[in-house]
C-alpha atoms as a PDB file:
ATOM      1  CA  MET A   1     226.867  47.267 -27.300  1.00  0.00           C
ATOM      2  CA  ALA A   2     229.852  45.313 -25.951  1.00  0.00           C
ATOM      3  CA  LEU A   3     230.581  41.752 -26.997  1.00  0.00           C
ATOM      4  CA  GLN A   4     229.002  39.489 -24.424  1.00  0.00           C
ATOM      5  CA  GLY A   5     226.991  36.343 -23.845  1.00  0.00           C
ATOM      6  CA  LEU A   6     226.495  33.678 -26.475  1.00  0.00           C
ATOM      7  CA  PRO A   7     228.232  35.460 -29.422  1.00  0.00           C
ATOM      8  CA  ILE A   8     231.555  35.851 -27.611  1.00  0.00           C
ATOM      9  CA  ALA A   9     231.350  32.271 -26.336  1.00  0.00           C
ATOM     10  CA  LEU A  10     230.817  30.968 -29.882  1.00  0.00           C
ATOM     11  CA  LEU A  11     233.694  33.081 -31.194  1.00  0.00           C
ATOM     12  CA  GLY A  12     235.916  31.574 -28.523  1.00  0.00           C
ATOM     13  CA  LEU A  13     234.782  28.110 -29.517  1.00  0.00           C
ATOM     14  CA  PHE A  14     235.605  28.867 -33.155  1.00  0.00           C
ATOM     15  CA  ALA A  15     239.075  30.070 -32.114  1.00  0.00           C
ATOM     16  CA  VAL A  16     239.710  26.832 -30.213  1.00  0.00           C
ATOM     17  CA  ALA A  17     238.507  24.780 -33.188  1.00  0.00           C
ATOM     18  CA  ILE A  18     240.811  26.664 -35.580  1.00  0.00           C
ATOM     19  CA  ALA A  19     243.756  26.186 -33.213  1.00  0.00           C
ATOM     20  CA  ALA A  20     243.056  22.433 -32.997  1.00  0.00           C
ATOM     21  CA  LEU A  21     242.813  22.156 -36.785  1.00  0.00           C
ATOM     22  CA  LEU A  22     246.096  24.052 -37.205  1.00  0.00           C
ATOM     23  CA  VAL A  23     247.821  21.682 -34.760  1.00  0.00           C
ATOM     24  CA  GLY A  24     246.434  18.691 -36.661  1.00  0.00           C
ATOM     25  CA  TYR A  25     247.631  20.191 -39.944  1.00  0.00           C
ATOM     26  CA  ARG A  26     251.115  20.684 -38.478  1.00  0.00           C
ATOM     27  CA  TYR A  27     251.553  17.047 -37.436  1.00  0.00           C
ATOM     28  CA  THR A  28     249.796  15.126 -40.199  1.00  0.00           C
ATOM     29  CA  ARG A  29     251.661  13.953 -43.303  1.00  0.00           C
ATOM     30  CA  SER A  30     248.732  12.796 -45.415  1.00  0.00           C
ATOM     31  CA  ARG A  31     247.953  15.196 -48.268  1.00  0.00           C
ATOM     32  CA  ALA A  32     244.257  14.242 -48.242  1.00  0.00           C
ATOM     33  CA  VAL A  33     243.957  14.817 -44.481  1.00  0.00           C
ATOM     34  CA  ARG A  34     245.736  18.175 -44.815  1.00  0.00           C
ATOM     35  CA  GLN A  35     243.263  19.231 -47.501  1.00  0.00           C
ATOM     36  CA  LEU A  36     240.408  18.184 -45.189  1.00  0.00           C
ATOM     37  CA  LEU A  37     241.869  20.192 -42.302  1.00  0.00           C
ATOM     38  CA  THR A  38     242.370  23.215 -44.572  1.00  0.00           C
ATOM     39  CA  SER A  39     238.726  23.026 -45.656  1.00  0.00           C
ATOM     40  CA  GLY A  40     237.735  22.677 -41.991  1.00  0.00           C
ATOM     41  CA  ILE A  41     239.702  25.810 -41.089  1.00  0.00           C
ATOM     42  CA  MET A  42     238.072  27.763 -43.924  1.00  0.00           C
ATOM     43  CA  PHE A  43     234.606  26.542 -42.909  1.00  0.00           C
ATOM     44  CA  THR A  44     235.229  27.547 -39.295  1.00  0.00           C
ATOM     45  CA  LEU A  45     236.452  31.011 -40.326  1.00  0.00           C
ATOM     46  CA  VAL A  46     233.421  31.551 -42.557  1.00  0.00           C
ATOM     47  CA  SER A  47     231.146  30.355 -39.741  1.00  0.00           C
ATOM     48  CA  ALA A  48     232.726  32.931 -37.431  1.00  0.00           C
ATOM     49  CA  LEU A  49     232.200  35.567 -40.138  1.00  0.00           C
ATOM     50  CA  VAL A  50     228.509  34.645 -40.370  1.00  0.00           C
ATOM     51  CA  LEU A  51     228.202  34.976 -36.596  1.00  0.00           C
ATOM     52  CA  VAL A  52     229.866  38.380 -36.627  1.00  0.00           C
ATOM     53  CA  VAL A  53     227.711  39.831 -39.407  1.00  0.00           C
ATOM     54  CA  THR A  54     224.613  38.471 -37.698  1.00  0.00           C
ATOM     55  CA  TYR A  55     225.340  40.436 -34.506  1.00  0.00           C
ATOM     56  CA  ILE A  56     226.773  43.566 -36.159  1.00  0.00           C
ATOM     57  CA  PRO A  57     223.469  45.521 -35.816  1.00  0.00           C
ATOM     58  CA  GLU A  58     223.552  45.003 -32.024  1.00  0.00           C
ATOM     59  CA  TRP A  59     227.254  45.801 -31.653  1.00  0.00           C
ATOM     60  CA  VAL A  60     227.373  49.006 -33.710  1.00  0.00           C
ATOM     61  CA  ASN A  61     223.727  50.113 -33.516  1.00  0.00           C
ATOM     62  CA  LEU A  62     223.251  49.639 -37.246  1.00  0.00           C
ATOM     63  CA  ALA A  63     219.802  49.285 -38.805  1.00  0.00           C
ATOM     64  CA  PRO A  64     219.098  45.613 -39.654  1.00  0.00           C
ATOM     65  CA  ASP A  65     217.625  46.616 -43.026  1.00  0.00           C
ATOM     66  CA  ASP A  66     220.673  48.612 -44.125  1.00  0.00           C
ATOM     67  CA  VAL A  67     221.378  47.755 -47.775  1.00  0.00           C
ATOM     68  CA  SER A  68     225.134  47.355 -47.317  1.00  0.00           C
ATOM     69  CA  LEU A  69     224.650  45.174 -44.248  1.00  0.00           C
ATOM     70  CA  VAL A  70     222.079  42.949 -45.977  1.00  0.00           C
ATOM     71  CA  LEU A  71     224.399  42.489 -48.951  1.00  0.00           C
ATOM     72  CA  PHE A  72     227.331  41.649 -46.670  1.00  0.00           C
ATOM     73  CA  ILE A  73     225.226  39.116 -44.759  1.00  0.00           C
ATOM     74  CA  GLN A  74     224.121  37.443 -47.992  1.00  0.00           C
ATOM     75  CA  ILE A  75     227.718  37.193 -49.221  1.00  0.00           C
ATOM     76  CA  ALA A  76     228.778  35.650 -45.907  1.00  0.00           C
ATOM     77  CA  HIS A  77     225.994  33.044 -46.057  1.00  0.00           C
ATOM     78  CA  VAL A  78     226.802  32.164 -49.701  1.00  0.00           C
ATOM     79  CA  LEU A  79     230.437  31.624 -48.715  1.00  0.00           C
ATOM     80  CA  TRP A  80     229.246  29.458 -45.815  1.00  0.00           C
ATOM     81  CA  TRP A  81     227.301  27.096 -48.086  1.00  0.00           C
ATOM     82  CA  ILE A  82     230.170  26.919 -50.600  1.00  0.00           C
ATOM     83  CA  SER A  83     232.711  26.141 -47.862  1.00  0.00           C
ATOM     84  CA  LEU A  84     230.350  23.507 -46.455  1.00  0.00           C
ATOM     85  CA  ALA A  85     230.140  21.825 -49.881  1.00  0.00           C
ATOM     86  CA  ARG A  86     233.929  21.940 -50.178  1.00  0.00           C
ATOM     87  CA  LEU A  87     234.332  20.481 -46.694  1.00  0.00           C
ATOM     88  CA  SER A  88     231.884  17.683 -47.582  1.00  0.00           C
ATOM     89  CA  ILE A  89     233.945  16.799 -50.675  1.00  0.00           C
ATOM     90  CA  ARG A  90     237.169  16.624 -48.652  1.00  0.00           C
ATOM     91  CA  ALA A  91     235.477  14.618 -45.903  1.00  0.00           C
ATOM     92  CA  SER A  92     234.112  12.155 -48.470  1.00  0.00           C
ATOM     93  CA  ASP A  93     237.596  11.759 -49.921  1.00  0.00           C
ATOM     94  CA  VAL A  94     239.131  10.886 -46.549  1.00  0.00           C
ATOM     95  CA  LEU A  95     236.296   9.007 -44.833  1.00  0.00           C
ATOM     96  CA  LEU A  96     234.518   7.403 -47.806  1.00  0.00           C
ATOM     97  CA  TRP A  97     236.915   6.872 -50.711  1.00  0.00           C
ATOM     98  CA  ARG A  98     240.104   6.370 -48.663  1.00  0.00           C
ATOM     99  CA  GLY A  99     238.417   4.983 -45.556  1.00  0.00           C
ATOM    100  CA  LEU A 100     235.451   2.778 -46.391  1.00  0.00           C
ATOM    101  CA  PHE A 101     236.731   1.910 -49.876  1.00  0.00           C
ATOM    102  CA  GLY A 102     240.415   2.154 -48.965  1.00  0.00           C
ATOM    103  CA  GLY A 103     241.278  -1.226 -50.439  1.00  0.00           C
ATOM    104  CA  GLN A 104     239.667  -0.499 -53.815  1.00  0.00           C
ATOM    105  CA  THR A 105     240.482   1.779 -56.733  1.00  0.00           C
ATOM    106  CA  VAL A 106     237.621   4.293 -56.845  1.00  0.00           C
ATOM    107  CA  PRO A 107     237.127   5.781 -60.336  1.00  0.00           C
ATOM    108  CA  LYS A 108     237.578   9.536 -60.552  1.00  0.00           C
ATOM    109  CA  LEU A 109     234.177   9.766 -62.267  1.00  0.00           C
ATOM    110  CA  LEU A 110     232.310   8.757 -59.093  1.00  0.00           C
ATOM    111  CA  LYS A 111     234.220  11.343 -57.054  1.00  0.00           C
ATOM    112  CA  ASP A 112     233.355  14.048 -59.587  1.00  0.00           C
ATOM    113  CA  VAL A 113     229.673  13.068 -59.602  1.00  0.00           C
ATOM    114  CA  LEU A 114     229.441  13.210 -55.803  1.00  0.00           C
ATOM    115  CA  GLY A 115     231.256  16.569 -55.763  1.00  0.00           C
ATOM    116  CA  ALA A 116     228.817  17.971 -58.329  1.00  0.00           C
ATOM    117  CA  VAL A 117     225.899  16.770 -56.183  1.00  0.00           C
ATOM    118  CA  TYR A 118     227.299  18.630 -53.149  1.00  0.00           C
ATOM    119  CA  TYR A 119     227.599  21.883 -55.101  1.00  0.00           C
ATOM    120  CA  ILE A 120     224.107  21.517 -56.626  1.00  0.00           C
ATOM    121  CA  ILE A 121     222.639  21.038 -53.151  1.00  0.00           C
ATOM    122  CA  ALA A 122     224.546  24.112 -51.954  1.00  0.00           C
ATOM    123  CA  LEU A 123     223.134  26.112 -54.890  1.00  0.00           C
ATOM    124  CA  PHE A 124     219.557  25.186 -53.982  1.00  0.00           C
ATOM    125  CA  MET A 125     220.194  25.993 -50.307  1.00  0.00           C
ATOM    126  CA  VAL A 126     221.549  29.433 -51.261  1.00  0.00           C
ATOM    127  CA  VAL A 127     218.477  30.169 -53.372  1.00  0.00           C
ATOM    128  CA  ALA A 128     216.042  28.931 -50.713  1.00  0.00           C
ATOM    129  CA  PHE A 129     217.618  30.232 -47.466  1.00  0.00           C
ATOM    130  CA  VAL A 130     219.924  33.110 -48.452  1.00  0.00           C
ATOM    131  CA  PHE A 131     217.907  34.851 -51.164  1.00  0.00           C
ATOM    132  CA  GLU A 132     214.596  33.408 -49.908  1.00  0.00           C
ATOM    133  CA  GLN A 133     213.396  32.524 -53.384  1.00  0.00           C
ATOM    134  CA  PRO A 134     211.190  29.528 -54.255  1.00  0.00           C
ATOM    135  CA  VAL A 135     213.230  26.575 -55.423  1.00  0.00           C
ATOM    136  CA  THR A 136     210.423  25.433 -57.737  1.00  0.00           C
ATOM    137  CA  GLY A 137     211.184  28.300 -60.124  1.00  0.00           C
ATOM    138  CA  LEU A 138     214.839  27.299 -60.247  1.00  0.00           C
ATOM    139  CA  LEU A 139     213.838  23.700 -60.876  1.00  0.00           C
ATOM    140  CA  ALA A 140     211.579  24.736 -63.759  1.00  0.00           C
ATOM    141  CA  THR A 141     214.289  26.923 -65.276  1.00  0.00           C
ATOM    142  CA  SER A 142     216.924  24.242 -64.863  1.00  0.00           C
ATOM    143  CA  GLY A 143     214.552  21.777 -66.535  1.00  0.00           C
ATOM    144  CA  VAL A 144     214.279  23.953 -69.640  1.00  0.00           C
ATOM    145  CA  VAL A 145     218.034  24.459 -69.716  1.00  0.00           C
ATOM    146  CA  ALA A 146     218.555  20.709 -69.306  1.00  0.00           C
ATOM    147  CA  VAL A 147     216.341  19.981 -72.342  1.00  0.00           C
ATOM    148  CA  VAL A 148     218.247  22.461 -74.512  1.00  0.00           C
ATOM    149  CA  LEU A 149     221.619  21.150 -73.375  1.00  0.00           C
ATOM    150  CA  GLY A 150     220.413  17.584 -73.813  1.00  0.00           C
ATOM    151  CA  PHE A 151     219.782  18.129 -77.520  1.00  0.00           C
ATOM    152  CA  ALA A 152     223.040  20.019 -77.979  1.00  0.00           C
ATOM    153  CA  LEU A 153     225.200  17.524 -76.088  1.00  0.00           C
ATOM    154  CA  GLN A 154     223.613  14.186 -76.951  1.00  0.00           C
ATOM    155  CA  ASN A 155     226.867  12.363 -77.651  1.00  0.00           C
ATOM    156  CA  THR A 156     228.658  13.825 -74.641  1.00  0.00           C
ATOM    157  CA  LEU A 157     225.767  13.023 -72.298  1.00  0.00           C
ATOM    158  CA  SER A 158     225.632   9.514 -73.721  1.00  0.00           C
ATOM    159  CA  ASP A 159     229.303   9.095 -72.822  1.00  0.00           C
ATOM    160  CA  VAL A 160     228.726  10.503 -69.328  1.00  0.00           C
ATOM    161  CA  PHE A 161     225.782   8.253 -68.482  1.00  0.00           C
ATOM    162  CA  SER A 162     227.563   5.279 -70.026  1.00  0.00           C
ATOM    163  CA  GLY A 163     230.515   6.077 -67.759  1.00  0.00           C
ATOM    164  CA  ILE A 164     228.211   6.090 -64.734  1.00  0.00           C
ATOM    165  CA  ALA A 165     226.743   2.727 -65.793  1.00  0.00           C
ATOM    166  CA  LEU A 166     230.225   1.270 -66.285  1.00  0.00           C
ATOM    167  CA  ASN A 167     231.277   2.424 -62.823  1.00  0.00           C
ATOM    168  CA  MET A 168     228.181   0.859 -61.286  1.00  0.00           C
ATOM    169  CA  GLU A 169     228.527  -2.460 -63.124  1.00  0.00           C
ATOM    170  CA  HIS A 170     232.355  -2.627 -62.985  1.00  0.00           C
ATOM    171  CA  PRO A 171     233.054  -4.776 -66.071  1.00  0.00           C
ATOM    172  CA  TYR A 172     236.610  -3.479 -65.655  1.00  0.00           C
ATOM    173  CA  ARG A 173     238.525  -1.330 -63.199  1.00  0.00           C
ATOM    174  CA  GLN A 174     241.544   0.911 -63.324  1.00  0.00           C
ATOM    175  CA  GLY A 175     244.616  -1.302 -63.639  1.00  0.00           C
ATOM    176  CA  ASP A 176     242.815  -4.181 -65.425  1.00  0.00           C
ATOM    177  CA  TRP A 177     244.064  -5.565 -68.753  1.00  0.00           C
ATOM    178  CA  ILE A 178     241.226  -5.893 -71.260  1.00  0.00           C
ATOM    179  CA  ARG A 179     240.672  -6.721 -74.936  1.00  0.00           C
ATOM    180  CA  LEU A 180     238.044  -4.927 -77.006  1.00  0.00           C
ATOM    181  CA  ASP A 181     236.032  -6.487 -79.815  1.00  0.00           C
ATOM    182  CA  THR A 182     238.190  -4.390 -82.168  1.00  0.00           C
ATOM    183  CA  GLY A 183     241.181  -6.513 -81.141  1.00  0.00           C
ATOM    184  CA  PHE A 184     242.955  -3.799 -79.142  1.00  0.00           C
ATOM    185  CA  GLU A 185     244.468  -4.978 -75.857  1.00  0.00           C
ATOM    186  CA  GLY A 186     245.553  -2.614 -73.128  1.00  0.00           C
ATOM    187  CA  GLU A 187     245.613  -1.627 -69.471  1.00  0.00           C
ATOM    188  CA  VAL A 188     242.861   0.624 -68.140  1.00  0.00           C
ATOM    189  CA  VAL A 189     244.757   3.700 -66.945  1.00  0.00           C
ATOM    190  CA  GLU A 190     241.848   6.111 -66.433  1.00  0.00           C
ATOM    191  CA  ILE A 191     238.036   6.210 -66.469  1.00  0.00           C
ATOM    192  CA  ASN A 192     236.775   9.793 -66.609  1.00  0.00           C
ATOM    193  CA  TRP A 193     233.539  11.588 -67.473  1.00  0.00           C
ATOM    194  CA  ARG A 194     233.729  11.016 -71.219  1.00  0.00           C
ATOM    195  CA  ALA A 195     236.086   8.192 -72.066  1.00  0.00           C
ATOM    196  CA  THR A 196     238.204   5.262 -70.936  1.00  0.00           C
ATOM    197  CA  HIS A 197     241.957   5.472 -71.517  1.00  0.00           C
ATOM    198  CA  LEU A 198     243.808   2.260 -72.412  1.00  0.00           C
ATOM    199  CA  ARG A 199     247.580   1.735 -72.714  1.00  0.00           C
ATOM    200  CA  SER A 200     248.923  -1.134 -74.822  1.00  0.00           C
ATOM    201  CA  ARG A 201     252.001  -3.270 -74.237  1.00  0.00           C
ATOM    202  CA  GLU A 202     253.820  -1.095 -76.795  1.00  0.00           C
ATOM    203  CA  ASP A 203     253.058   1.932 -74.559  1.00  0.00           C
ATOM    204  CA  THR A 204     250.587   3.394 -77.038  1.00  0.00           C
ATOM    205  CA  GLU A 205     247.312   4.807 -75.754  1.00  0.00           C
ATOM    206  CA  ILE A 206     243.770   4.678 -77.071  1.00  0.00           C
ATOM    207  CA  VAL A 207     240.916   6.875 -75.857  1.00  0.00           C
ATOM    208  CA  GLN A 208     237.626   5.015 -76.183  1.00  0.00           C
ATOM    209  CA  PRO A 209     234.332   6.901 -75.558  1.00  0.00           C
ATOM    210  CA  ASN A 210     232.328   5.403 -72.711  1.00  0.00           C
ATOM    211  CA  SER A 211     229.296   4.925 -74.958  1.00  0.00           C
ATOM    212  CA  GLY A 212     231.401   2.634 -77.135  1.00  0.00           C
ATOM    213  CA  MET A 213     232.754   0.784 -74.098  1.00  0.00           C
ATOM    214  CA  ALA A 214     229.222   0.208 -72.811  1.00  0.00           C
ATOM    215  CA  THR A 215     228.208  -1.608 -76.015  1.00  0.00           C
ATOM    216  CA  ALA A 216     231.519  -3.326 -76.791  1.00  0.00           C
ATOM    217  CA  ARG A 217     232.309  -6.969 -76.079  1.00  0.00           C
ATOM    218  CA  ILE A 218     235.131  -6.848 -73.547  1.00  0.00           C
ATOM    219  CA  VAL A 219     237.473  -9.595 -72.407  1.00  0.00           C
ATOM    220  CA  ASN A 220     238.815  -8.808 -68.934  1.00  0.00           C
ATOM    221  CA  PHE A 221     242.069 -10.692 -68.322  1.00  0.00           C
ATOM    222  CA  HIS A 222     242.049  -9.731 -64.633  1.00  0.00           C
ATOM    223  CA  TYR A 223     238.677 -11.291 -63.826  1.00  0.00           C
ATOM    224  CA  PRO A 224     238.037 -13.543 -61.983  1.00  0.00           C
ATOM    225  CA  ASP A 225     241.798 -14.231 -61.619  1.00  0.00           C
ATOM    226  CA  ARG A 226     244.567 -11.725 -62.310  1.00  0.00           C
ATOM    227  CA  VAL A 227     246.762 -14.524 -63.717  1.00  0.00           C
ATOM    228  CA  TYR A 228     246.112 -14.956 -67.445  1.00  0.00           C
ATOM    229  CA  ALA A 229     247.790 -16.210 -70.623  1.00  0.00           C
ATOM    230  CA  PHE A 230     248.567 -14.501 -73.915  1.00  0.00           C
ATOM    231  CA  ASN A 231     250.199 -15.459 -77.212  1.00  0.00           C
ATOM    232  CA  VAL A 232     253.715 -14.471 -78.174  1.00  0.00           C
ATOM    233  CA  GLN A 233     254.920 -15.139 -81.720  1.00  0.00           C
ATOM    234  CA  VAL A 234     258.652 -15.658 -82.215  1.00  0.00           C
ATOM    235  CA  ARG A 235     260.246 -16.122 -85.649  1.00  0.00           C
ATOM    236  CA  ILE A 236     262.733 -19.012 -85.685  1.00  0.00           C
ATOM    237  CA  ASP A 237     264.979 -20.135 -88.499  1.00  0.00           C
ATOM    238  CA  TYR A 238     264.045 -23.526 -89.968  1.00  0.00           C
ATOM    239  CA  LYS A 239     267.579 -24.753 -89.282  1.00  0.00           C
ATOM    240  CA  VAL A 240     267.056 -24.618 -85.491  1.00  0.00           C
ATOM    241  CA  PRO A 241     265.835 -27.979 -84.119  1.00  0.00           C
ATOM    242  CA  PRO A 242     262.248 -27.820 -82.755  1.00  0.00           C
ATOM    243  CA  ALA A 243     263.268 -29.472 -79.503  1.00  0.00           C
ATOM    244  CA  ARG A 244     265.805 -26.741 -78.855  1.00  0.00           C
ATOM    245  CA  VAL A 245     263.207 -24.059 -79.626  1.00  0.00           C
ATOM    246  CA  LYS A 246     260.733 -25.601 -77.179  1.00  0.00           C
ATOM    247  CA  SER A 247     263.262 -25.934 -74.369  1.00  0.00           C
ATOM    248  CA  THR A 248     264.505 -22.363 -74.843  1.00  0.00           C
ATOM    249  CA  LEU A 249     261.007 -20.841 -74.878  1.00  0.00           C
ATOM    250  CA  LYS A 250     259.875 -22.932 -71.902  1.00  0.00           C
ATOM    251  CA  ALA A 251     262.957 -21.838 -69.968  1.00  0.00           C
ATOM    252  CA  ALA A 252     262.175 -18.205 -70.774  1.00  0.00           C
ATOM    253  CA  ALA A 253     258.581 -18.569 -69.531  1.00  0.00           C
ATOM    254  CA  TRP A 254     259.418 -20.520 -66.385  1.00  0.00           C
ATOM    255  CA  PRO A 255     260.647 -17.564 -64.197  1.00  0.00           C
ATOM    256  CA  ALA A 256     257.269 -15.832 -64.627  1.00  0.00           C
ATOM    257  CA  SER A 257     255.406 -18.775 -63.089  1.00  0.00           C
ATOM    258  CA  VAL A 258     257.959 -19.024 -60.254  1.00  0.00           C
ATOM    259  CA  SER A 259     257.690 -15.313 -59.396  1.00  0.00           C
ATOM    260  CA  ARG A 260     253.894 -15.567 -59.217  1.00  0.00           C
ATOM    261  CA  ASN A 261     253.974 -18.928 -57.402  1.00  0.00           C
ATOM    262  CA  THR A 262     251.680 -20.484 -60.023  1.00  0.00           C
ATOM    263  CA  PRO A 263     251.946 -23.734 -62.014  1.00  0.00           C
ATOM    264  CA  ASP A 264     253.853 -23.557 -65.293  1.00  0.00           C
ATOM    265  CA  ARG A 265     251.131 -23.662 -68.002  1.00  0.00           C
ATOM    266  CA  SER A 266     253.238 -22.439 -70.938  1.00  0.00           C
ATOM    267  CA  ARG A 267     252.793 -24.283 -74.235  1.00  0.00           C
ATOM    268  CA  VAL A 268     254.817 -24.131 -77.447  1.00  0.00           C
ATOM    269  CA  SER A 269     253.290 -24.859 -80.873  1.00  0.00           C
ATOM    270  CA  PHE A 270     254.594 -24.492 -84.410  1.00  0.00           C
ATOM    271  CA  ASP A 271     252.961 -22.945 -87.473  1.00  0.00           C
ATOM    272  CA  SER A 272     254.303 -24.605 -90.598  1.00  0.00           C
ATOM    273  CA  THR A 273     253.108 -21.812 -92.892  1.00  0.00           C
ATOM    274  CA  ILE A 274     255.532 -19.215 -91.519  1.00  0.00           C
ATOM    275  CA  PRO A 275     258.970 -19.550 -89.912  1.00  0.00           C
ATOM    276  CA  SER A 276     257.720 -18.831 -86.428  1.00  0.00           C
ATOM    277  CA  SER A 277     256.563 -20.502 -83.234  1.00  0.00           C
ATOM    278  CA  SER A 278     253.733 -19.422 -80.953  1.00  0.00           C
ATOM    279  CA  MET A 279     254.030 -19.775 -77.186  1.00  0.00           C
ATOM    280  CA  THR A 280     251.000 -19.487 -74.899  1.00  0.00           C
END
């Protein structure tokens, strides 16, 4: 049977959509938008493939229950759900994380969780609509597997759920300077599934499990104001007059307050037990 009617019209529409996406890809410079357009092109191609395999029996007079045809149709529909999940992830990145929350630093953990949710939904849709199997059986099986994995990965799961709680509560964000109850101070450089990465002023890095971060007492120097004070100990010879030490240290601290347009709150004190001064 010749191509006619609705199928050929839809194929033409898919061709126009692909052409428009290719033009958008050519003229955009944003890497995230290009990834979204690439996923859109792949989704459109797979959608056209699904349309073609659906009408193959009419076009080539093939039996609808042919084993090879049924298998090919199932593969096409599985690819369609996977490409839809991928397109949803890219769309969330552009419209949600970079659009709605464009002015905030969104932790990578939340993006990974949402991406996993998209793929899980796609898996259930494949089981229910492609293979026409009851989802309740998959849920029961996944429940047993979840119990076994829960016992085997208690510590890891504790870190993961602690990471989710930390991202919901936001006691600190990427880029904040914090101090742990262990005394370690550092900048939050990454919050992932399992741990929080901190970098100190000496450019050393500590990897703290999220379960430990959830129970630790944390001092956030960037909340509620990003301007904060810290102690600097400087060893000075006893022969140097204290007045000269104070004026020199105050002069060294003054440019920082000018650059931030904040009042000069630096203070200099002396510890008589060691030949040093402490400036705050």
